[in-house]
């Protein structure tokens, strides 16, 4: 199972994601509420998978993704995006995101995305 970092500026969303993934055997090893924290915690915790929001204060998810990929080019990042951000999602795929899920998402889709990137 995967060690996961959850990055979202909304504490409620981080908690919701944690409650969805932990019963499936995954462990949340780190959380961050903005891109600056995400990059720092990625370096500290070296998670297997990063669940990364796009719209956040201080540094958005696109910039955080670029920096995470500079630290570890093989990083497995799944973008969690709200509807209407298709252009940004396309940009994140160009920068190396492995998958994306649209908020609000269902548990099955989230688990399937994690399983998919872990099997690569």
PDB file of N, CA and C in Angstrom:
ATOM      1  N   UNK A   1       0.839  -1.176   0.000  1.00  0.00           N
ATOM      2  CA  UNK A   1       0.000   0.000   0.000  1.00  0.00           C
ATOM      3  C   UNK A   1       0.892   1.252   0.000  1.00  0.00           C
ATOM      4  N   UNK A   2       0.280   2.375  -0.256  1.00  0.00           N
ATOM      5  CA  UNK A   2       1.062   3.585  -0.509  1.00  0.00           C
ATOM      6  C   UNK A   2       1.145   4.523   0.688  1.00  0.00           C
ATOM      7  N   UNK A   3       2.310   5.178   0.818  1.00  0.00           N
ATOM      8  CA  UNK A   3       2.467   6.311   1.730  1.00  0.00           C
ATOM      9  C   UNK A   3       2.126   7.557   0.910  1.00  0.00           C
ATOM     10  N   UNK A   4       1.172   8.343   1.401  1.00  0.00           N
ATOM     11  CA  UNK A   4       0.594   9.420   0.605  1.00  0.00           C
ATOM     12  C   UNK A   4       0.707  10.757   1.318  1.00  0.00           C
ATOM     13  N   UNK A   5       0.987  11.800   0.522  1.00  0.00           N
ATOM     14  CA  UNK A   5       0.919  13.170   1.020  1.00  0.00           C
ATOM     15  C   UNK A   5      -0.308  13.821   0.385  1.00  0.00           C
ATOM     16  N   UNK A   6      -1.131  14.449   1.224  1.00  0.00           N
ATOM     17  CA  UNK A   6      -2.342  15.123   0.769  1.00  0.00           C
ATOM     18  C   UNK A   6      -2.113  16.624   0.844  1.00  0.00           C
ATOM     19  N   UNK A   7      -2.287  17.301  -0.296  1.00  0.00           N
ATOM     20  CA  UNK A   7      -2.054  18.741  -0.371  1.00  0.00           C
ATOM     21  C   UNK A   7      -3.337  19.433  -0.824  1.00  0.00           C
ATOM     22  N   UNK A   8      -3.919  20.203   0.081  1.00  0.00           N
ATOM     23  CA  UNK A   8      -5.131  20.965  -0.222  1.00  0.00           C
ATOM     24  C   UNK A   8      -5.232  22.080   0.792  1.00  0.00           C
ATOM     25  N   UNK A   9      -5.655  23.266   0.352  1.00  0.00           N
ATOM     26  CA  UNK A   9      -5.746  24.386   1.282  1.00  0.00           C
ATOM     27  C   UNK A   9      -6.923  24.253   2.235  1.00  0.00           C
ATOM     28  N   UNK A  10      -7.856  23.365   1.951  1.00  0.00           N
ATOM     29  CA  UNK A  10      -9.013  23.163   2.824  1.00  0.00           C
ATOM     30  C   UNK A  10      -8.764  21.978   3.759  1.00  0.00           C
ATOM     31  N   UNK A  11      -8.729  22.254   5.053  1.00  0.00           N
ATOM     32  CA  UNK A  11      -8.509  21.192   6.046  1.00  0.00           C
ATOM     33  C   UNK A  11      -9.584  20.118   5.939  1.00  0.00           C
ATOM     34  N   UNK A  12     -10.815  20.537   5.660  1.00  0.00           N
ATOM     35  CA  UNK A  12     -11.915  19.579   5.525  1.00  0.00           C
ATOM     36  C   UNK A  12     -11.642  18.599   4.375  1.00  0.00           C
ATOM     37  N   UNK A  13     -11.114  19.085   3.273  1.00  0.00           N
ATOM     38  CA  UNK A  13     -10.829  18.213   2.129  1.00  0.00           C
ATOM     39  C   UNK A  13      -9.696  17.251   2.461  1.00  0.00           C
ATOM     40  N   UNK A  14      -8.671  17.720   3.160  1.00  0.00           N
ATOM     41  CA  UNK A  14      -7.578  16.821   3.560  1.00  0.00           C
ATOM     42  C   UNK A  14      -8.112  15.710   4.464  1.00  0.00           C
ATOM     43  N   UNK A  15      -8.975  16.073   5.402  1.00  0.00           N
ATOM     44  CA  UNK A  15      -9.551  15.085   6.312  1.00  0.00           C
ATOM     45  C   UNK A  15     -10.443  14.095   5.555  1.00  0.00           C
ATOM     46  N   UNK A  16     -11.226  14.602   4.609  1.00  0.00           N
ATOM     47  CA  UNK A  16     -12.104  13.738   3.825  1.00  0.00           C
ATOM     48  C   UNK A  16     -11.296  12.729   3.018  1.00  0.00           C
ATOM     49  N   UNK A  17     -10.246  13.194   2.378  1.00  0.00           N
ATOM     50  CA  UNK A  17      -9.390  12.300   1.590  1.00  0.00           C
ATOM     51  C   UNK A  17      -8.763  11.243   2.489  1.00  0.00           C
ATOM     52  N   UNK A  18      -8.265  11.666   3.636  1.00  0.00           N
ATOM     53  CA  UNK A  18      -7.650  10.722   4.582  1.00  0.00           C
ATOM     54  C   UNK A  18      -8.642   9.636   4.985  1.00  0.00           C
ATOM     55  N   UNK A  19      -9.883  10.037   5.276  1.00  0.00           N
ATOM     56  CA  UNK A  19     -10.909   9.061   5.670  1.00  0.00           C
ATOM     57  C   UNK A  19     -11.260   8.116   4.532  1.00  0.00           C
ATOM     58  N   UNK A  20     -11.104   8.573   3.291  1.00  0.00           N
ATOM     59  CA  UNK A  20     -11.402   7.717   2.137  1.00  0.00           C
ATOM     60  C   UNK A  20     -10.304   6.697   1.879  1.00  0.00           C
ATOM     61  N   UNK A  21      -9.046   7.114   2.043  1.00  0.00           N
ATOM     62  CA  UNK A  21      -7.962   6.230   1.605  1.00  0.00           C
ATOM     63  C   UNK A  21      -7.430   5.287   2.678  1.00  0.00           C
ATOM     64  N   UNK A  22      -7.488   5.700   3.941  1.00  0.00           N
ATOM     65  CA  UNK A  22      -6.898   4.857   4.985  1.00  0.00           C
ATOM     66  C   UNK A  22      -7.580   3.495   5.145  1.00  0.00           C
ATOM     67  N   UNK A  23      -8.913   3.386   4.997  1.00  0.00           N
ATOM     68  CA  UNK A  23      -9.514   2.052   5.089  1.00  0.00           C
ATOM     69  C   UNK A  23      -9.049   1.095   3.986  1.00  0.00           C
ATOM     70  N   UNK A  24      -8.446   1.616   2.938  1.00  0.00           N
ATOM     71  CA  UNK A  24      -7.947   0.796   1.838  1.00  0.00           C
ATOM     72  C   UNK A  24      -6.474   0.433   2.020  1.00  0.00           C
ATOM     73  N   UNK A  25      -5.937   0.697   3.203  1.00  0.00           N
ATOM     74  CA  UNK A  25      -4.579   0.293   3.518  1.00  0.00           C
ATOM     75  C   UNK A  25      -3.503   1.330   3.227  1.00  0.00           C
ATOM     76  N   UNK A  26      -3.900   2.481   2.703  1.00  0.00           N
ATOM     77  CA  UNK A  26      -2.934   3.545   2.437  1.00  0.00           C
ATOM     78  C   UNK A  26      -2.715   4.369   3.705  1.00  0.00           C
ATOM     79  N   UNK A  27      -1.558   5.011   3.801  1.00  0.00           N
ATOM     80  CA  UNK A  27      -1.220   5.814   4.971  1.00  0.00           C
ATOM     81  C   UNK A  27      -0.918   7.241   4.545  1.00  0.00           C
ATOM     82  N   UNK A  28      -1.559   8.198   5.209  1.00  0.00           N
ATOM     83  CA  UNK A  28      -1.232   9.599   4.974  1.00  0.00           C
ATOM     84  C   UNK A  28      -0.028   9.922   5.850  1.00  0.00           C
ATOM     85  N   UNK A  29       1.116  10.127   5.215  1.00  0.00           N
ATOM     86  CA  UNK A  29       2.363  10.381   5.952  1.00  0.00           C
ATOM     87  C   UNK A  29       2.631  11.867   6.125  1.00  0.00           C
ATOM     88  N   UNK A  30       1.967  12.703   5.308  1.00  0.00           N
ATOM     89  CA  UNK A  30       2.154  14.147   5.405  1.00  0.00           C
ATOM     90  C   UNK A  30       0.965  14.866   4.789  1.00  0.00           C
ATOM     91  N   UNK A  31       0.746  16.084   5.276  1.00  0.00           N
ATOM     92  CA  UNK A  31      -0.281  16.955   4.727  1.00  0.00           C
ATOM     93  C   UNK A  31       0.339  18.334   4.540  1.00  0.00           C
ATOM     94  N   UNK A  32      -0.213  19.083   3.586  1.00  0.00           N
ATOM     95  CA  UNK A  32       0.229  20.456   3.361  1.00  0.00           C
ATOM     96  C   UNK A  32      -0.970  21.272   2.895  1.00  0.00           C
ATOM     97  N   UNK A  33      -0.958  22.562   3.249  1.00  0.00           N
ATOM     98  CA  UNK A  33      -2.090  23.410   2.877  1.00  0.00           C
ATOM     99  C   UNK A  33      -1.762  24.399   1.765  1.00  0.00           C
ATOM    100  N   UNK A  34      -0.528  24.346   1.262  1.00  0.00           N
ATOM    101  CA  UNK A  34      -0.166  25.172   0.114  1.00  0.00           C
ATOM    102  C   UNK A  34       1.040  24.549  -0.578  1.00  0.00           C
ATOM    103  N   UNK A  35       1.370  25.100  -1.742  1.00  0.00           N
ATOM    104  CA  UNK A  35       2.461  24.536  -2.525  1.00  0.00           C
ATOM    105  C   UNK A  35       3.820  24.638  -1.882  1.00  0.00           C
ATOM    106  N   UNK A  36       4.062  25.719  -1.150  1.00  0.00           N
ATOM    107  CA  UNK A  36       5.353  25.890  -0.470  1.00  0.00           C
ATOM    108  C   UNK A  36       5.551  24.770   0.549  1.00  0.00           C
ATOM    109  N   UNK A  37       4.529  24.522   1.371  1.00  0.00           N
ATOM    110  CA  UNK A  37       4.599  23.424   2.347  1.00  0.00           C
ATOM    111  C   UNK A  37       4.731  22.088   1.642  1.00  0.00           C
ATOM    112  N   UNK A  38       4.023  21.928   0.528  1.00  0.00           N
ATOM    113  CA  UNK A  38       4.044  20.657  -0.198  1.00  0.00           C
ATOM    114  C   UNK A  38       5.452  20.302  -0.656  1.00  0.00           C
ATOM    115  N   UNK A  39       6.151  21.266  -1.222  1.00  0.00           N
ATOM    116  CA  UNK A  39       7.508  21.010  -1.706  1.00  0.00           C
ATOM    117  C   UNK A  39       8.423  20.650  -0.538  1.00  0.00           C
ATOM    118  N   UNK A  40       8.318  21.399   0.546  1.00  0.00           N
ATOM    119  CA  UNK A  40       9.144  21.132   1.734  1.00  0.00           C
ATOM    120  C   UNK A  40       8.847  19.740   2.306  1.00  0.00           C
ATOM    121  N   UNK A  41       7.570  19.428   2.466  1.00  0.00           N
ATOM    122  CA  UNK A  41       7.206  18.130   3.067  1.00  0.00           C
ATOM    123  C   UNK A  41       7.503  16.968   2.133  1.00  0.00           C
ATOM    124  N   UNK A  42       7.416  17.195   0.827  1.00  0.00           N
ATOM    125  CA  UNK A  42       7.786  16.136  -0.108  1.00  0.00           C
ATOM    126  C   UNK A  42       9.244  15.737   0.115  1.00  0.00           C
ATOM    127  N   UNK A  43      10.109  16.728   0.247  1.00  0.00           N
ATOM    128  CA  UNK A  43      11.530  16.451   0.487  1.00  0.00           C
ATOM    129  C   UNK A  43      11.754  15.711   1.797  1.00  0.00           C
ATOM    130  N   UNK A  44      10.964  16.062   2.815  1.00  0.00           N
ATOM    131  CA  UNK A  44      11.118  15.429   4.127  1.00  0.00           C
ATOM    132  C   UNK A  44      10.589  14.007   4.157  1.00  0.00           C
ATOM    133  N   UNK A  45       9.398  13.786   3.602  1.00  0.00           N
ATOM    134  CA  UNK A  45       8.694  12.519   3.788  1.00  0.00           C
ATOM    135  C   UNK A  45       8.826  11.536   2.632  1.00  0.00           C
ATOM    136  N   UNK A  46       9.202  12.010   1.448  1.00  0.00           N
ATOM    137  CA  UNK A  46       9.355  11.146   0.270  1.00  0.00           C
ATOM    138  C   UNK A  46       8.157  10.184   0.100  1.00  0.00           C
ATOM    139  N   UNK A  47       6.940  10.729  -0.013  1.00  0.00           N
ATOM    140  CA  UNK A  47       5.772   9.856  -0.153  1.00  0.00           C
ATOM    141  C   UNK A  47       5.775   9.107  -1.485  1.00  0.00           C
ATOM    142  N   UNK A  48       5.059   7.982  -1.523  1.00  0.00           N
ATOM    143  CA  UNK A  48       4.914   7.212  -2.763  1.00  0.00           C
ATOM    144  C   UNK A  48       4.035   7.957  -3.764  1.00  0.00           C
ATOM    145  N   UNK A  49       3.011   8.638  -3.237  1.00  0.00           N
ATOM    146  CA  UNK A  49       2.036   9.339  -4.072  1.00  0.00           C
ATOM    147  C   UNK A  49       1.723  10.688  -3.431  1.00  0.00           C
ATOM    148  N   UNK A  50       1.538  11.703  -4.276  1.00  0.00           N
ATOM    149  CA  UNK A  50       1.095  13.021  -3.816  1.00  0.00           C
ATOM    150  C   UNK A  50      -0.265  13.303  -4.437  1.00  0.00           C
ATOM    151  N   UNK A  51      -1.246  13.616  -3.592  1.00  0.00           N
ATOM    152  CA  UNK A  51      -2.551  14.082  -4.059  1.00  0.00           C
ATOM    153  C   UNK A  51      -2.501  15.597  -3.944  1.00  0.00           C
ATOM    154  N   UNK A  52      -2.535  16.299  -5.075  1.00  0.00           N
ATOM    155  CA  UNK A  52      -2.206  17.718  -5.128  1.00  0.00           C
ATOM    156  C   UNK A  52      -3.350  18.553  -5.706  1.00  0.00           C
ATOM    157  N   UNK A  53      -3.833  19.490  -4.911  1.00  0.00           N
ATOM    158  CA  UNK A  53      -4.834  20.453  -5.367  1.00  0.00           C
ATOM    159  C   UNK A  53      -4.142  21.457  -6.285  1.00  0.00           C
ATOM    160  N   UNK A  54      -4.909  22.110  -7.157  1.00  0.00           N
ATOM    161  CA  UNK A  54      -4.320  23.121  -8.038  1.00  0.00           C
ATOM    162  C   UNK A  54      -4.395  24.508  -7.418  1.00  0.00           C
ATOM    163  N   UNK A  55      -5.576  24.896  -6.961  1.00  0.00           N
ATOM    164  CA  UNK A  55      -5.774  26.266  -6.490  1.00  0.00           C
ATOM    165  C   UNK A  55      -5.485  26.352  -4.999  1.00  0.00           C
ATOM    166  N   UNK A  56      -4.346  26.993  -4.675  1.00  0.00           N
ATOM    167  CA  UNK A  56      -3.929  27.140  -3.282  1.00  0.00           C
ATOM    168  C   UNK A  56      -3.202  28.470  -3.122  1.00  0.00           C
ATOM    169  N   UNK A  57      -3.149  28.983  -1.895  1.00  0.00           N
ATOM    170  CA  UNK A  57      -2.391  30.217  -1.661  1.00  0.00           C
ATOM    171  C   UNK A  57      -0.879  29.967  -1.666  1.00  0.00           C
ATOM    172  N   UNK A  58      -0.130  31.017  -1.784  1.00  0.00           N
ATOM    173  CA  UNK A  58       1.338  31.042  -1.728  1.00  0.00           C
ATOM    174  C   UNK A  58       2.011  30.426  -2.944  1.00  0.00           C
ATOM    175  N   UNK A  59       1.658  29.196  -3.301  1.00  0.00           N
ATOM    176  CA  UNK A  59       2.176  28.556  -4.516  1.00  0.00           C
ATOM    177  C   UNK A  59       1.100  27.592  -4.990  1.00  0.00           C
ATOM    178  N   UNK A  60       0.685  27.717  -6.242  1.00  0.00           N
ATOM    179  CA  UNK A  60      -0.374  26.831  -6.724  1.00  0.00           C
ATOM    180  C   UNK A  60       0.164  25.437  -7.036  1.00  0.00           C
ATOM    181  N   UNK A  61      -0.746  24.533  -7.344  1.00  0.00           N
ATOM    182  CA  UNK A  61      -0.372  23.152  -7.579  1.00  0.00           C
ATOM    183  C   UNK A  61       0.475  22.936  -8.816  1.00  0.00           C
ATOM    184  N   UNK A  62       0.293  23.781  -9.833  1.00  0.00           N
ATOM    185  CA  UNK A  62       1.104  23.649 -11.044  1.00  0.00           C
ATOM    186  C   UNK A  62       2.574  23.909 -10.718  1.00  0.00           C
ATOM    187  N   UNK A  63       2.844  24.989 -10.005  1.00  0.00           N
ATOM    188  CA  UNK A  63       4.223  25.322  -9.634  1.00  0.00           C
ATOM    189  C   UNK A  63       4.786  24.285  -8.658  1.00  0.00           C
ATOM    190  N   UNK A  64       3.964  23.841  -7.703  1.00  0.00           N
ATOM    191  CA  UNK A  64       4.417  22.818  -6.748  1.00  0.00           C
ATOM    192  C   UNK A  64       4.780  21.524  -7.474  1.00  0.00           C
ATOM    193  N   UNK A  65       3.971  21.145  -8.455  1.00  0.00           N
ATOM    194  CA  UNK A  65       4.255  19.949  -9.243  1.00  0.00           C
ATOM    195  C   UNK A  65       5.612  20.075  -9.934  1.00  0.00           C
ATOM    196  N   UNK A  66       5.860  21.212 -10.557  1.00  0.00           N
ATOM    197  CA  UNK A  66       7.149  21.412 -11.237  1.00  0.00           C
ATOM    198  C   UNK A  66       8.313  21.259 -10.263  1.00  0.00           C
ATOM    199  N   UNK A  67       8.168  21.835  -9.086  1.00  0.00           N
ATOM    200  CA  UNK A  67       9.266  21.766  -8.103  1.00  0.00           C
ATOM    201  C   UNK A  67       9.443  20.354  -7.551  1.00  0.00           C
ATOM    202  N   UNK A  68       8.328  19.665  -7.311  1.00  0.00           N
ATOM    203  CA  UNK A  68       8.402  18.279  -6.829  1.00  0.00           C
ATOM    204  C   UNK A  68       9.099  17.404  -7.871  1.00  0.00           C
ATOM    205  N   UNK A  69       8.774  17.609  -9.149  1.00  0.00           N
ATOM    206  CA  UNK A  69       9.398  16.820 -10.215  1.00  0.00           C
ATOM    207  C   UNK A  69      10.881  17.157 -10.370  1.00  0.00           C
ATOM    208  N   UNK A  70      11.282  18.381 -10.012  1.00  0.00           N
ATOM    209  CA  UNK A  70      12.706  18.723 -10.016  1.00  0.00           C
ATOM    210  C   UNK A  70      13.442  17.952  -8.917  1.00  0.00           C
ATOM    211  N   UNK A  71      12.779  17.810  -7.770  1.00  0.00           N
ATOM    212  CA  UNK A  71      13.374  17.073  -6.648  1.00  0.00           C
ATOM    213  C   UNK A  71      13.460  15.594  -6.971  1.00  0.00           C
ATOM    214  N   UNK A  72      12.363  15.054  -7.511  1.00  0.00           N
ATOM    215  CA  UNK A  72      12.308  13.624  -7.844  1.00  0.00           C
ATOM    216  C   UNK A  72      11.529  13.452  -9.144  1.00  0.00           C
ATOM    217  N   UNK A  73      12.228  13.308 -10.261  1.00  0.00           N
ATOM    218  CA  UNK A  73      11.555  13.214 -11.560  1.00  0.00           C
ATOM    219  C   UNK A  73      10.548  12.073 -11.678  1.00  0.00           C
ATOM    220  N   UNK A  74      10.710  11.031 -10.856  1.00  0.00           N
ATOM    221  CA  UNK A  74       9.792   9.890 -10.920  1.00  0.00           C
ATOM    222  C   UNK A  74       8.617  10.022  -9.941  1.00  0.00           C
ATOM    223  N   UNK A  75       8.473  11.163  -9.302  1.00  0.00           N
ATOM    224  CA  UNK A  75       7.384  11.360  -8.329  1.00  0.00           C
ATOM    225  C   UNK A  75       6.030  11.060  -8.971  1.00  0.00           C
ATOM    226  N   UNK A  76       5.187  10.393  -8.194  1.00  0.00           N
ATOM    227  CA  UNK A  76       3.844  10.037  -8.663  1.00  0.00           C
ATOM    228  C   UNK A  76       2.852  11.036  -8.066  1.00  0.00           C
ATOM    229  N   UNK A  77       2.366  11.934  -8.918  1.00  0.00           N
ATOM    230  CA  UNK A  77       1.479  13.000  -8.465  1.00  0.00           C
ATOM    231  C   UNK A  77       0.135  12.865  -9.157  1.00  0.00           C
ATOM    232  N   UNK A  78      -0.924  12.892  -8.351  1.00  0.00           N
ATOM    233  CA  UNK A  78      -2.294  12.898  -8.864  1.00  0.00           C
ATOM    234  C   UNK A  78      -2.877  14.271  -8.560  1.00  0.00           C
ATOM    235  N   UNK A  79      -3.373  14.933  -9.581  1.00  0.00           N
ATOM    236  CA  UNK A  79      -3.968  16.254  -9.415  1.00  0.00           C
ATOM    237  C   UNK A  79      -5.432  16.102  -9.032  1.00  0.00           C
ATOM    238  N   UNK A  80      -5.843  16.858  -8.027  1.00  0.00           N
ATOM    239  CA  UNK A  80      -7.244  16.897  -7.587  1.00  0.00           C
ATOM    240  C   UNK A  80      -7.757  18.295  -7.919  1.00  0.00           C
ATOM    241  N   UNK A  81      -8.624  18.392  -8.908  1.00  0.00           N
ATOM    242  CA  UNK A  81      -9.020  19.696  -9.414  1.00  0.00           C
ATOM    243  C   UNK A  81     -10.529  19.870  -9.407  1.00  0.00           C
ATOM    244  N   UNK A  82     -10.947  21.098  -9.216  1.00  0.00           N
ATOM    245  CA  UNK A  82     -12.372  21.420  -9.319  1.00  0.00           C
ATOM    246  C   UNK A  82     -12.771  21.515 -10.788  1.00  0.00           C
ATOM    247  N   UNK A  83     -14.045  21.401 -11.052  1.00  0.00           N
ATOM    248  CA  UNK A  83     -14.549  21.556 -12.412  1.00  0.00           C
ATOM    249  C   UNK A  83     -14.146  22.922 -12.952  1.00  0.00           C
ATOM    250  N   UNK A  84     -13.970  23.007 -14.252  1.00  0.00           N
ATOM    251  CA  UNK A  84     -13.666  24.286 -14.867  1.00  0.00           C
ATOM    252  C   UNK A  84     -12.191  24.625 -14.909  1.00  0.00           C
ATOM    253  N   UNK A  85     -11.337  23.713 -14.514  1.00  0.00           N
ATOM    254  CA  UNK A  85      -9.897  23.976 -14.530  1.00  0.00           C
ATOM    255  C   UNK A  85      -9.178  23.089 -15.543  1.00  0.00           C
ATOM    256  N   UNK A  86      -9.873  22.745 -16.627  1.00  0.00           N
ATOM    257  CA  UNK A  86      -9.323  21.806 -17.595  1.00  0.00           C
ATOM    258  C   UNK A  86      -7.993  22.276 -18.183  1.00  0.00           C
ATOM    259  N   UNK A  87      -7.859  23.571 -18.441  1.00  0.00           N
ATOM    260  CA  UNK A  87      -6.602  24.076 -19.008  1.00  0.00           C
ATOM    261  C   UNK A  87      -5.445  23.836 -18.047  1.00  0.00           C
ATOM    262  N   UNK A  88      -5.678  24.084 -16.760  1.00  0.00           N
ATOM    263  CA  UNK A  88      -4.624  23.843 -15.771  1.00  0.00           C
ATOM    264  C   UNK A  88      -4.326  22.357 -15.640  1.00  0.00           C
ATOM    265  N   UNK A  89      -5.366  21.531 -15.712  1.00  0.00           N
ATOM    266  CA  UNK A  89      -5.154  20.087 -15.619  1.00  0.00           C
ATOM    267  C   UNK A  89      -4.279  19.620 -16.778  1.00  0.00           C
ATOM    268  N   UNK A  90      -4.569  20.101 -17.987  1.00  0.00           N
ATOM    269  CA  UNK A  90      -3.764  19.735 -19.149  1.00  0.00           C
ATOM    270  C   UNK A  90      -2.307  20.155 -18.938  1.00  0.00           C
ATOM    271  N   UNK A  91      -2.113  21.317 -18.355  1.00  0.00           N
ATOM    272  CA  UNK A  91      -0.760  21.809 -18.081  1.00  0.00           C
ATOM    273  C   UNK A  91      -0.037  20.883 -17.097  1.00  0.00           C
ATOM    274  N   UNK A  92      -0.753  20.415 -16.075  1.00  0.00           N
ATOM    275  CA  UNK A  92      -0.114  19.538 -15.087  1.00  0.00           C
ATOM    276  C   UNK A  92       0.284  18.197 -15.699  1.00  0.00           C
ATOM    277  N   UNK A  93      -0.505  17.708 -16.634  1.00  0.00           N
ATOM    278  CA  UNK A  93      -0.147  16.459 -17.310  1.00  0.00           C
ATOM    279  C   UNK A  93       1.146  16.665 -18.102  1.00  0.00           C
ATOM    280  N   UNK A  94       1.278  17.831 -18.749  1.00  0.00           N
ATOM    281  CA  UNK A  94       2.520  18.154 -19.472  1.00  0.00           C
ATOM    282  C   UNK A  94       3.717  18.163 -18.531  1.00  0.00           C
ATOM    283  N   UNK A  95       3.496  18.617 -17.300  1.00  0.00           N
ATOM    284  CA  UNK A  95       4.592  18.706 -16.333  1.00  0.00           C
ATOM    285  C   UNK A  95       4.836  17.400 -15.583  1.00  0.00           C
ATOM    286  N   UNK A  96       4.069  16.365 -15.891  1.00  0.00           N
ATOM    287  CA  UNK A  96       4.377  15.060 -15.322  1.00  0.00           C
ATOM    288  C   UNK A  96       3.393  14.476 -14.337  1.00  0.00           C
ATOM    289  N   UNK A  97       2.228  15.092 -14.142  1.00  0.00           N
ATOM    290  CA  UNK A  97       1.225  14.469 -13.272  1.00  0.00           C
ATOM    291  C   UNK A  97       0.809  13.137 -13.895  1.00  0.00           C
ATOM    292  N   UNK A  98       0.581  12.148 -13.062  1.00  0.00           N
ATOM    293  CA  UNK A  98       0.263  10.810 -13.542  1.00  0.00           C
ATOM    294  C   UNK A  98      -1.231  10.604 -13.793  1.00  0.00           C
ATOM    295  N   UNK A  99      -2.067  11.390 -13.125  1.00  0.00           N
ATOM    296  CA  UNK A  99      -3.521  11.245 -13.276  1.00  0.00           C
ATOM    297  C   UNK A  99      -4.164  12.488 -12.699  1.00  0.00           C
ATOM    298  N   UNK A 100      -5.439  12.638 -12.939  1.00  0.00           N
ATOM    299  CA  UNK A 100      -6.172  13.713 -12.292  1.00  0.00           C
ATOM    300  C   UNK A 100      -7.580  13.240 -11.983  1.00  0.00           C
ATOM    301  N   UNK A 101      -8.107  13.752 -10.905  1.00  0.00           N
ATOM    302  CA  UNK A 101      -9.489  13.477 -10.531  1.00  0.00           C
ATOM    303  C   UNK A 101     -10.168  14.816 -10.285  1.00  0.00           C
ATOM    304  N   UNK A 102     -11.445  14.867 -10.642  1.00  0.00           N
ATOM    305  CA  UNK A 102     -12.197  16.112 -10.543  1.00  0.00           C
ATOM    306  C   UNK A 102     -13.007  16.105  -9.254  1.00  0.00           C
ATOM    307  N   UNK A 103     -12.893  17.219  -8.509  1.00  0.00           N
ATOM    308  CA  UNK A 103     -13.678  17.394  -7.284  1.00  0.00           C
ATOM    309  C   UNK A 103     -15.075  17.861  -7.654  1.00  0.00           C
ATOM    310  N   UNK A 104     -16.080  17.487  -6.921  1.00  0.00           N
ATOM    311  CA  UNK A 104     -16.013  16.493  -5.837  1.00  0.00           C
ATOM    312  C   UNK A 104     -15.897  15.093  -6.434  1.00  0.00           C
ATOM    313  N   UNK A 105     -15.063  14.268  -5.833  1.00  0.00           N
ATOM    314  CA  UNK A 105     -14.855  12.935  -6.363  1.00  0.00           C
ATOM    315  C   UNK A 105     -15.411  11.880  -5.416  1.00  0.00           C
ATOM    316  N   UNK A 106     -15.601  10.691  -5.964  1.00  0.00           N
ATOM    317  CA  UNK A 106     -16.100   9.583  -5.165  1.00  0.00           C
ATOM    318  C   UNK A 106     -14.917   8.715  -4.739  1.00  0.00           C
ATOM    319  N   UNK A 107     -15.090   8.024  -3.657  1.00  0.00           N
ATOM    320  CA  UNK A 107     -14.021   7.210  -3.084  1.00  0.00           C
ATOM    321  C   UNK A 107     -13.456   6.208  -4.080  1.00  0.00           C
ATOM    322  N   UNK A 108     -14.330   5.533  -4.841  1.00  0.00           N
ATOM    323  CA  UNK A 108     -13.856   4.522  -5.787  1.00  0.00           C
ATOM    324  C   UNK A 108     -12.910   5.112  -6.822  1.00  0.00           C
ATOM    325  N   UNK A 109     -13.218   6.313  -7.299  1.00  0.00           N
ATOM    326  CA  UNK A 109     -12.359   6.959  -8.312  1.00  0.00           C
ATOM    327  C   UNK A 109     -11.004   7.334  -7.704  1.00  0.00           C
ATOM    328  N   UNK A 110     -11.021   7.812  -6.469  1.00  0.00           N
ATOM    329  CA  UNK A 110      -9.777   8.172  -5.793  1.00  0.00           C
ATOM    330  C   UNK A 110      -8.889   6.946  -5.596  1.00  0.00           C
ATOM    331  N   UNK A 111      -9.462   5.873  -5.102  1.00  0.00           N
ATOM    332  CA  UNK A 111      -8.695   4.637  -4.871  1.00  0.00           C
ATOM    333  C   UNK A 111      -8.182   4.072  -6.193  1.00  0.00           C
ATOM    334  N   UNK A 112      -9.009   4.117  -7.231  1.00  0.00           N
ATOM    335  CA  UNK A 112      -8.590   3.617  -8.545  1.00  0.00           C
ATOM    336  C   UNK A 112      -7.402   4.421  -9.077  1.00  0.00           C
ATOM    337  N   UNK A 113      -7.417   5.732  -8.879  1.00  0.00           N
ATOM    338  CA  UNK A 113      -6.310   6.579  -9.333  1.00  0.00           C
ATOM    339  C   UNK A 113      -5.016   6.235  -8.589  1.00  0.00           C
ATOM    340  N   UNK A 114      -5.121   6.047  -7.276  1.00  0.00           N
ATOM    341  CA  UNK A 114      -3.937   5.677  -6.484  1.00  0.00           C
ATOM    342  C   UNK A 114      -3.403   4.320  -6.933  1.00  0.00           C
ATOM    343  N   UNK A 115      -4.306   3.340  -7.075  1.00  0.00           N
ATOM    344  CA  UNK A 115      -3.884   2.007  -7.507  1.00  0.00           C
ATOM    345  C   UNK A 115      -3.225   2.059  -8.879  1.00  0.00           C
ATOM    346  N   UNK A 116      -3.773   2.870  -9.762  1.00  0.00           N
ATOM    347  CA  UNK A 116      -3.237   2.985 -11.131  1.00  0.00           C
ATOM    348  C   UNK A 116      -1.806   3.528 -11.123  1.00  0.00           C
ATOM    349  N   UNK A 117      -1.572   4.606 -10.397  1.00  0.00           N
ATOM    350  CA  UNK A 117      -0.218   5.180 -10.400  1.00  0.00           C
ATOM    351  C   UNK A 117       0.770   4.293  -9.634  1.00  0.00           C
ATOM    352  N   UNK A 118       0.303   3.573  -8.655  1.00  0.00           N
ATOM    353  CA  UNK A 118       1.205   2.682  -7.907  1.00  0.00           C
ATOM    354  C   UNK A 118       1.615   1.463  -8.745  1.00  0.00           C
ATOM    355  N   UNK A 119       0.798   1.084  -9.711  1.00  0.00           N
ATOM    356  CA  UNK A 119       1.109  -0.088 -10.521  1.00  0.00           C
ATOM    357  C   UNK A 119       2.069   0.227 -11.670  1.00  0.00           C
ATOM    358  N   UNK A 120       2.386   1.517 -11.847  1.00  0.00           N
ATOM    359  CA  UNK A 120       3.301   1.915 -12.947  1.00  0.00           C
ATOM    360  C   UNK A 120       4.736   1.791 -12.519  1.00  0.00           C
TER     361      UNK A 120
END
